[in-house]
């Protein structure tokens, strides 16, 4: 069975997130952020933590 990847909650550096020993999942949302800026969208990111 494959081990689930952890969310990088509290990690501040890309280096920490990409460390293979830590087994974090990384999702790049750069394109989504740029699309919202260019479209003038009024979306807000809400944190449930």
Protein backbone atom coordinates (compact mmCIF):
# COMPACT_ATOMS: atom_id res chain seq x y z
CA UNK A 1 0.00 0.00 0.00
CA UNK A 2 1.28 3.46 -0.93
CA UNK A 3 1.90 5.93 1.88
CA UNK A 4 -0.21 9.11 1.69
CA UNK A 5 1.59 12.39 1.26
CA UNK A 6 1.28 15.00 3.99
CA UNK A 7 0.09 18.59 3.57
CA UNK A 8 2.92 21.08 4.18
CA UNK A 9 1.05 23.01 6.87
CA UNK A 10 3.37 25.47 8.59
CA UNK A 11 6.23 24.96 6.13
CA UNK A 12 7.56 28.28 4.87
CA UNK A 13 10.19 27.35 2.30
CA UNK A 14 9.92 25.60 -1.02
CA UNK A 15 13.02 23.60 -0.11
CA UNK A 16 11.29 22.10 2.94
CA UNK A 17 8.17 21.24 0.97
CA UNK A 18 10.08 19.54 -1.86
CA UNK A 19 12.31 17.48 0.48
CA UNK A 20 11.67 13.82 -0.57
CA UNK A 21 12.30 12.57 2.97
CA UNK A 22 9.36 14.61 4.28
CA UNK A 23 6.82 13.20 1.75
CA UNK A 24 4.78 16.39 1.33
CA UNK A 25 2.35 17.00 -1.52
CA UNK A 26 2.88 20.21 -3.54
CA UNK A 27 0.23 21.77 -5.76
CA UNK A 28 1.31 24.74 -7.85
CA UNK A 29 -1.51 27.30 -8.04
CA UNK A 30 0.51 30.02 -9.76
CA UNK A 31 -1.50 29.85 -13.00
CA UNK A 32 -4.79 30.08 -11.09
CA UNK A 33 -3.58 33.14 -9.15
CA UNK A 34 -2.41 34.85 -12.34
CA UNK A 35 -5.73 34.14 -14.05
CA UNK A 36 -7.62 35.73 -11.15
CA UNK A 37 -5.37 38.81 -11.26
CA UNK A 38 -5.70 39.21 -15.02
CA UNK A 39 -9.46 38.65 -15.03
CA UNK A 40 -10.01 41.02 -12.12
CA UNK A 41 -11.84 38.28 -10.23
CA UNK A 42 -12.96 38.99 -6.71
CA UNK A 43 -12.19 35.59 -5.21
CA UNK A 44 -10.76 35.17 -1.75
CA UNK A 45 -8.88 32.21 -0.34
CA UNK A 46 -10.35 31.03 2.93
CA UNK A 47 -8.43 28.94 5.40
CA UNK A 48 -10.20 26.27 7.39
CA UNK A 49 -7.27 25.73 9.74
